[in-house]
Structures are given as structure tokens and as C-alpha cells.
Amino acid sequence: MKIAVRASRTMTRRTMLGTLGVIALAAASGTLTPPRRAGAQPLGLNESLDEAMTRVFGSRSIKDGGSLIKLDIPLIAENGAVVPVSVRVDSPMTPTSYVKHIYVVADKNRIPVVTRVTLTPAAGQAFMGANIRLGETGDVRAIVEQSDGTLWQVKREVKVTVGGCGG
């Protein structure tokens, strides 16, 4: 099988697989790293909950969002490796007032900021759903950042019966 690269050259399957192998090796060794946007906040860092919250939210206060945010997560996770979570925010999604980010934070995980979803007014509804990993029993938070910078949160304790992070 040959893949046409240009009209005058062709690349064999073997050459293509070799090239992809070299790229994968460079990425695995750290030689090749993905580009980062200026000012982007890295997720996936081994850090304490306090360090993560300070890094992501700074010193901004976080209000109770009990009437605004619906966090749907099981109270008991039989397998911490796959825990379904969804967050719905009852908020207008207009160009002047909308939900900008939804964060899911697991207090006891080695990597507390589990996910961040970025939304725009075009989304029409502030909702996200995912499967997350929980290392042990602890609080899971849904933190919502409005377009004006206001932060809201709800949290729920989830009991993990089988460790999902090697536990």
C-alpha cells in the first residue's frame, strides 16, 4: 500500500510507520513537547489540594453554589477507576453573562484538578459529563467560573470501595 504525499513522491507504509515511531519516541523521551499557550494553566500536576486551588483560582473567594449547580456523582463508587460525574449549571448563557469554566476537583487525589471544561455562550447550556478516577474516599467538588470571574462550588463526599489510583 502506498500513500500519495505529493504528485511527484509517494511514501510507503513502512516509511510512514517508521516516521510515526520516531515522533512517538521523541514525545516519550520529552524531546518533543506540545506547544503551550501563553498564560495557560497546566492541569495534571501532583500537588496538594491547597496548592492546586491557589494555582488555579488564586486568592479569589468561592461562594456556595447549592442552588445554582447540580453535581451528579454516586455516593459510593464501587470502582474508583471509573466514576461517572456530570455537572449542570442553571445560569444564563448570554454574551454578557455565561459560565466560562466548569472544574471537577477531587480533594484526595494526587492530582486534585481532575478536569476543566471551557464553555462559550454558543454552548446554550452549561453542562459537562465525564468519567473520572478517584484514588480514595473524599470530597469531589464542582467549581464553576462565571464570565465575570465569580466562582461557585458544590461538593459531595464519595466513598470509594475499590481504589482507582493503584489502591
C-alpha atoms as a PDB file:
ATOM      1  CA  MET A   1       0.000   0.000   0.000  1.00  0.00           C
ATOM      2  CA  LYS A   2       1.356   3.403  -0.970  1.00  0.00           C
ATOM      3  CA  ILE A   3       0.179   6.759   0.312  1.00  0.00           C
ATOM      4  CA  ALA A   4       0.473   9.698  -2.050  1.00  0.00           C
ATOM      5  CA  VAL A   5       2.229  12.603  -0.358  1.00  0.00           C
ATOM      6  CA  ARG A   6       2.749  14.817  -3.397  1.00  0.00           C
ATOM      7  CA  ALA A   7       2.138  14.262  -7.038  1.00  0.00           C
ATOM      8  CA  SER A   8       5.832  13.532  -7.611  1.00  0.00           C
ATOM      9  CA  ARG A   9       6.577  11.453  -4.464  1.00  0.00           C
ATOM     10  CA  THR A  10       4.971   8.539  -2.687  1.00  0.00           C
ATOM     11  CA  MET A  11       5.530   7.288   0.822  1.00  0.00           C
ATOM     12  CA  THR A  12       5.439   3.610   1.600  1.00  0.00           C
ATOM     13  CA  ARG A  13       3.612   2.215   4.583  1.00  0.00           C
ATOM     14  CA  ARG A  14       6.946   1.188   6.121  1.00  0.00           C
ATOM     15  CA  THR A  15       8.321   4.743   5.830  1.00  0.00           C
ATOM     16  CA  MET A  16       5.145   6.176   7.359  1.00  0.00           C
ATOM     17  CA  LEU A  17       5.258   3.760  10.321  1.00  0.00           C
ATOM     18  CA  GLY A  18       8.970   4.495  10.844  1.00  0.00           C
ATOM     19  CA  THR A  19       8.326   8.240  10.863  1.00  0.00           C
ATOM     20  CA  LEU A  20       5.474   7.866  13.352  1.00  0.00           C
ATOM     21  CA  GLY A  21       7.724   5.680  15.534  1.00  0.00           C
ATOM     22  CA  VAL A  22      10.429   8.360  15.612  1.00  0.00           C
ATOM     23  CA  ILE A  23       7.856  11.009  16.541  1.00  0.00           C
ATOM     24  CA  ALA A  24       6.434   8.772  19.308  1.00  0.00           C
ATOM     25  CA  LEU A  25       9.921   8.112  20.674  1.00  0.00           C
ATOM     26  CA  ALA A  26      10.710  11.844  20.695  1.00  0.00           C
ATOM     27  CA  ALA A  27       7.438  12.600  22.502  1.00  0.00           C
ATOM     28  CA  ALA A  28       8.001   9.842  25.075  1.00  0.00           C
ATOM     29  CA  SER A  29      11.547  10.999  25.819  1.00  0.00           C
ATOM     30  CA  GLY A  30      10.439  14.593  26.360  1.00  0.00           C
ATOM     31  CA  THR A  31      12.344  15.906  23.353  1.00  0.00           C
ATOM     32  CA  LEU A  32       9.110  16.732  21.589  1.00  0.00           C
ATOM     33  CA  THR A  33       6.605  18.650  23.697  1.00  0.00           C
ATOM     34  CA  PRO A  34       3.263  20.115  22.657  1.00  0.00           C
ATOM     35  CA  PRO A  35       3.076  23.896  22.292  1.00  0.00           C
ATOM     36  CA  ARG A  36       1.596  25.789  25.257  1.00  0.00           C
ATOM     37  CA  ARG A  37      -0.476  28.916  25.117  1.00  0.00           C
ATOM     38  CA  ALA A  38       0.867  31.894  26.995  1.00  0.00           C
ATOM     39  CA  GLY A  39      -0.833  32.106  30.388  1.00  0.00           C
ATOM     40  CA  ALA A  40      -2.342  28.620  30.149  1.00  0.00           C
ATOM     41  CA  GLN A  41      -2.779  26.867  33.483  1.00  0.00           C
ATOM     42  CA  PRO A  42      -1.362  23.341  33.453  1.00  0.00           C
ATOM     43  CA  LEU A  43      -3.598  20.568  34.718  1.00  0.00           C
ATOM     44  CA  GLY A  44      -2.412  17.183  35.872  1.00  0.00           C
ATOM     45  CA  LEU A  45       0.178  18.228  38.458  1.00  0.00           C
ATOM     46  CA  ASN A  46       0.992  16.151  41.551  1.00  0.00           C
ATOM     47  CA  GLU A  47       0.207  18.691  44.241  1.00  0.00           C
ATOM     48  CA  SER A  48      -1.835  19.206  47.382  1.00  0.00           C
ATOM     49  CA  LEU A  49      -5.398  20.475  47.251  1.00  0.00           C
ATOM     50  CA  ASP A  50      -4.377  23.866  48.672  1.00  0.00           C
ATOM     51  CA  GLU A  51      -1.594  24.269  46.100  1.00  0.00           C
ATOM     52  CA  ALA A  52      -3.942  23.364  43.251  1.00  0.00           C
ATOM     53  CA  MET A  53      -6.698  25.709  44.410  1.00  0.00           C
ATOM     54  CA  THR A  54      -4.241  28.593  44.824  1.00  0.00           C
ATOM     55  CA  ARG A  55      -2.620  27.938  41.445  1.00  0.00           C
ATOM     56  CA  VAL A  56      -5.908  27.798  39.557  1.00  0.00           C
ATOM     57  CA  PHE A  57      -8.089  30.296  41.475  1.00  0.00           C
ATOM     58  CA  GLY A  58      -5.566  32.496  43.262  1.00  0.00           C
ATOM     59  CA  SER A  59      -6.976  34.243  46.311  1.00  0.00           C
ATOM     60  CA  ARG A  60     -10.487  34.689  44.877  1.00  0.00           C
ATOM     61  CA  SER A  61     -13.299  33.659  47.215  1.00  0.00           C
ATOM     62  CA  ILE A  62     -15.546  30.764  46.233  1.00  0.00           C
ATOM     63  CA  LYS A  63     -19.252  31.057  47.041  1.00  0.00           C
ATOM     64  CA  ASP A  64     -21.700  28.258  47.835  1.00  0.00           C
ATOM     65  CA  GLY A  65     -23.469  27.301  44.631  1.00  0.00           C
ATOM     66  CA  GLY A  66     -26.001  24.872  46.095  1.00  0.00           C
ATOM     67  CA  SER A  67     -28.981  26.398  44.298  1.00  0.00           C
ATOM     68  CA  LEU A  68     -27.068  27.091  41.073  1.00  0.00           C
ATOM     69  CA  ILE A  69     -25.032  23.902  40.466  1.00  0.00           C
ATOM     70  CA  LYS A  70     -26.238  20.310  40.219  1.00  0.00           C
ATOM     71  CA  LEU A  71     -23.398  17.811  40.800  1.00  0.00           C
ATOM     72  CA  ASP A  72     -24.450  14.292  39.863  1.00  0.00           C
ATOM     73  CA  ILE A  73     -21.993  11.668  41.167  1.00  0.00           C
ATOM     74  CA  PRO A  74     -22.612   8.381  43.001  1.00  0.00           C
ATOM     75  CA  LEU A  75     -22.277   8.470  46.793  1.00  0.00           C
ATOM     76  CA  ILE A  76     -20.496   5.102  46.650  1.00  0.00           C
ATOM     77  CA  ALA A  77     -18.068   4.339  43.825  1.00  0.00           C
ATOM     78  CA  GLU A  78     -17.585   0.595  43.554  1.00  0.00           C
ATOM     79  CA  ASN A  79     -14.605   1.113  41.277  1.00  0.00           C
ATOM     80  CA  GLY A  80     -12.613   4.318  41.750  1.00  0.00           C
ATOM     81  CA  ALA A  81     -11.048   3.928  38.294  1.00  0.00           C
ATOM     82  CA  VAL A  82     -14.327   4.818  36.571  1.00  0.00           C
ATOM     83  CA  VAL A  83     -16.644   7.191  38.403  1.00  0.00           C
ATOM     84  CA  PRO A  84     -19.302   8.944  36.297  1.00  0.00           C
ATOM     85  CA  VAL A  85     -19.803  12.620  37.067  1.00  0.00           C
ATOM     86  CA  SER A  86     -21.939  15.318  35.497  1.00  0.00           C
ATOM     87  CA  VAL A  87     -22.361  18.983  36.311  1.00  0.00           C
ATOM     88  CA  ARG A  88     -25.264  21.167  35.239  1.00  0.00           C
ATOM     89  CA  VAL A  89     -25.393  24.878  35.986  1.00  0.00           C
ATOM     90  CA  ASP A  90     -28.678  26.783  35.989  1.00  0.00           C
ATOM     91  CA  SER A  91     -27.291  30.006  34.584  1.00  0.00           C
ATOM     92  CA  PRO A  92     -27.999  32.103  31.514  1.00  0.00           C
ATOM     93  CA  MET A  93     -25.594  31.636  28.623  1.00  0.00           C
ATOM     94  CA  THR A  94     -25.713  35.116  27.104  1.00  0.00           C
ATOM     95  CA  PRO A  95     -22.752  37.009  25.598  1.00  0.00           C
ATOM     96  CA  THR A  96     -22.552  39.211  28.720  1.00  0.00           C
ATOM     97  CA  SER A  97     -23.167  36.570  31.401  1.00  0.00           C
ATOM     98  CA  TYR A  98     -22.220  32.936  30.945  1.00  0.00           C
ATOM     99  CA  VAL A  99     -20.404  30.004  32.530  1.00  0.00           C
ATOM    100  CA  LYS A 100     -16.796  30.221  31.383  1.00  0.00           C
ATOM    101  CA  HIS A 101     -15.307  27.099  33.037  1.00  0.00           C
ATOM    102  CA  ILE A 102     -16.502  24.054  34.956  1.00  0.00           C
ATOM    103  CA  TYR A 103     -13.826  22.366  37.088  1.00  0.00           C
ATOM    104  CA  VAL A 104     -14.059  18.981  38.792  1.00  0.00           C
ATOM    105  CA  VAL A 105     -11.725  18.707  41.791  1.00  0.00           C
ATOM    106  CA  ALA A 106     -11.138  15.535  43.832  1.00  0.00           C
ATOM    107  CA  ASP A 107      -9.746  16.599  47.213  1.00  0.00           C
ATOM    108  CA  LYS A 108      -7.850  13.367  47.998  1.00  0.00           C
ATOM    109  CA  ASN A 109      -6.362  12.654  44.555  1.00  0.00           C
ATOM    110  CA  ARG A 110      -2.636  13.154  43.986  1.00  0.00           C
ATOM    111  CA  ILE A 111      -3.734  15.257  41.024  1.00  0.00           C
ATOM    112  CA  PRO A 112      -6.692  17.151  42.518  1.00  0.00           C
ATOM    113  CA  VAL A 113      -7.850  19.125  39.454  1.00  0.00           C
ATOM    114  CA  VAL A 114      -9.395  16.257  37.532  1.00  0.00           C
ATOM    115  CA  THR A 115     -10.822  18.216  34.622  1.00  0.00           C
ATOM    116  CA  ARG A 116     -11.662  21.663  33.294  1.00  0.00           C
ATOM    117  CA  VAL A 117     -14.307  22.298  30.654  1.00  0.00           C
ATOM    118  CA  THR A 118     -14.328  25.614  28.788  1.00  0.00           C
ATOM    119  CA  LEU A 119     -17.669  26.923  27.570  1.00  0.00           C
ATOM    120  CA  THR A 120     -18.878  29.838  25.476  1.00  0.00           C
ATOM    121  CA  PRO A 121     -22.352  31.388  25.154  1.00  0.00           C
ATOM    122  CA  ALA A 122     -22.760  29.357  21.959  1.00  0.00           C
ATOM    123  CA  ALA A 123     -22.989  26.197  24.105  1.00  0.00           C
ATOM    124  CA  GLY A 124     -26.519  27.243  25.035  1.00  0.00           C
ATOM    125  CA  GLN A 125     -26.433  25.265  28.290  1.00  0.00           C
ATOM    126  CA  ALA A 126     -23.749  24.880  30.950  1.00  0.00           C
ATOM    127  CA  PHE A 127     -23.314  21.110  31.222  1.00  0.00           C
ATOM    128  CA  MET A 128     -20.462  18.615  31.272  1.00  0.00           C
ATOM    129  CA  GLY A 129     -20.200  14.893  31.836  1.00  0.00           C
ATOM    130  CA  ALA A 130     -17.201  12.581  32.168  1.00  0.00           C
ATOM    131  CA  ASN A 131     -15.767   9.533  33.879  1.00  0.00           C
ATOM    132  CA  ILE A 132     -13.152  10.426  36.476  1.00  0.00           C
ATOM    133  CA  ARG A 133     -10.711   8.464  38.615  1.00  0.00           C
ATOM    134  CA  LEU A 134     -10.795   8.673  42.403  1.00  0.00           C
ATOM    135  CA  GLY A 135      -7.872   7.358  44.460  1.00  0.00           C
ATOM    136  CA  GLU A 136      -9.705   7.170  47.784  1.00  0.00           C
ATOM    137  CA  THR A 137     -12.786   8.284  49.671  1.00  0.00           C
ATOM    138  CA  GLY A 138     -13.086  12.061  49.832  1.00  0.00           C
ATOM    139  CA  ASP A 139     -14.904  15.155  48.659  1.00  0.00           C
ATOM    140  CA  VAL A 140     -15.461  15.857  44.970  1.00  0.00           C
ATOM    141  CA  ARG A 141     -16.123  19.484  44.059  1.00  0.00           C
ATOM    142  CA  ALA A 142     -17.724  21.106  41.046  1.00  0.00           C
ATOM    143  CA  ILE A 143     -16.394  24.644  40.750  1.00  0.00           C
ATOM    144  CA  VAL A 144     -17.977  26.999  38.246  1.00  0.00           C
ATOM    145  CA  GLU A 145     -16.309  30.169  36.986  1.00  0.00           C
ATOM    146  CA  GLN A 146     -18.649  32.789  35.538  1.00  0.00           C
ATOM    147  CA  SER A 147     -17.589  35.153  32.744  1.00  0.00           C
ATOM    148  CA  ASP A 148     -17.232  37.972  35.302  1.00  0.00           C
ATOM    149  CA  GLY A 149     -14.778  35.878  37.385  1.00  0.00           C
ATOM    150  CA  THR A 150     -17.249  34.875  40.119  1.00  0.00           C
ATOM    151  CA  LEU A 151     -16.616  31.370  41.495  1.00  0.00           C
ATOM    152  CA  TRP A 152     -19.296  28.985  42.803  1.00  0.00           C
ATOM    153  CA  GLN A 153     -18.885  25.472  44.172  1.00  0.00           C
ATOM    154  CA  VAL A 154     -20.723  22.449  45.465  1.00  0.00           C
ATOM    155  CA  LYS A 155     -19.127  19.357  46.936  1.00  0.00           C
ATOM    156  CA  ARG A 156     -20.149  15.842  47.782  1.00  0.00           C
ATOM    157  CA  GLU A 157     -18.328  13.082  49.636  1.00  0.00           C
ATOM    158  CA  VAL A 158     -17.826   9.957  47.550  1.00  0.00           C
ATOM    159  CA  LYS A 159     -16.892   6.680  49.201  1.00  0.00           C
ATOM    160  CA  VAL A 160     -14.516   4.585  47.091  1.00  0.00           C
ATOM    161  CA  THR A 161     -14.733   0.860  47.848  1.00  0.00           C
ATOM    162  CA  VAL A 162     -12.023  -0.271  45.371  1.00  0.00           C
ATOM    163  CA  GLY A 163      -9.114   2.137  44.797  1.00  0.00           C
ATOM    164  CA  GLY A 164      -8.931   3.509  41.296  1.00  0.00           C
ATOM    165  CA  CYS A 165      -5.443   5.009  41.525  1.00  0.00           C
ATOM    166  CA  GLY A 166      -3.466   1.909  42.382  1.00  0.00           C
ATOM    167  CA  GLY A 167      -5.118   1.462  45.778  1.00  0.00           C
END
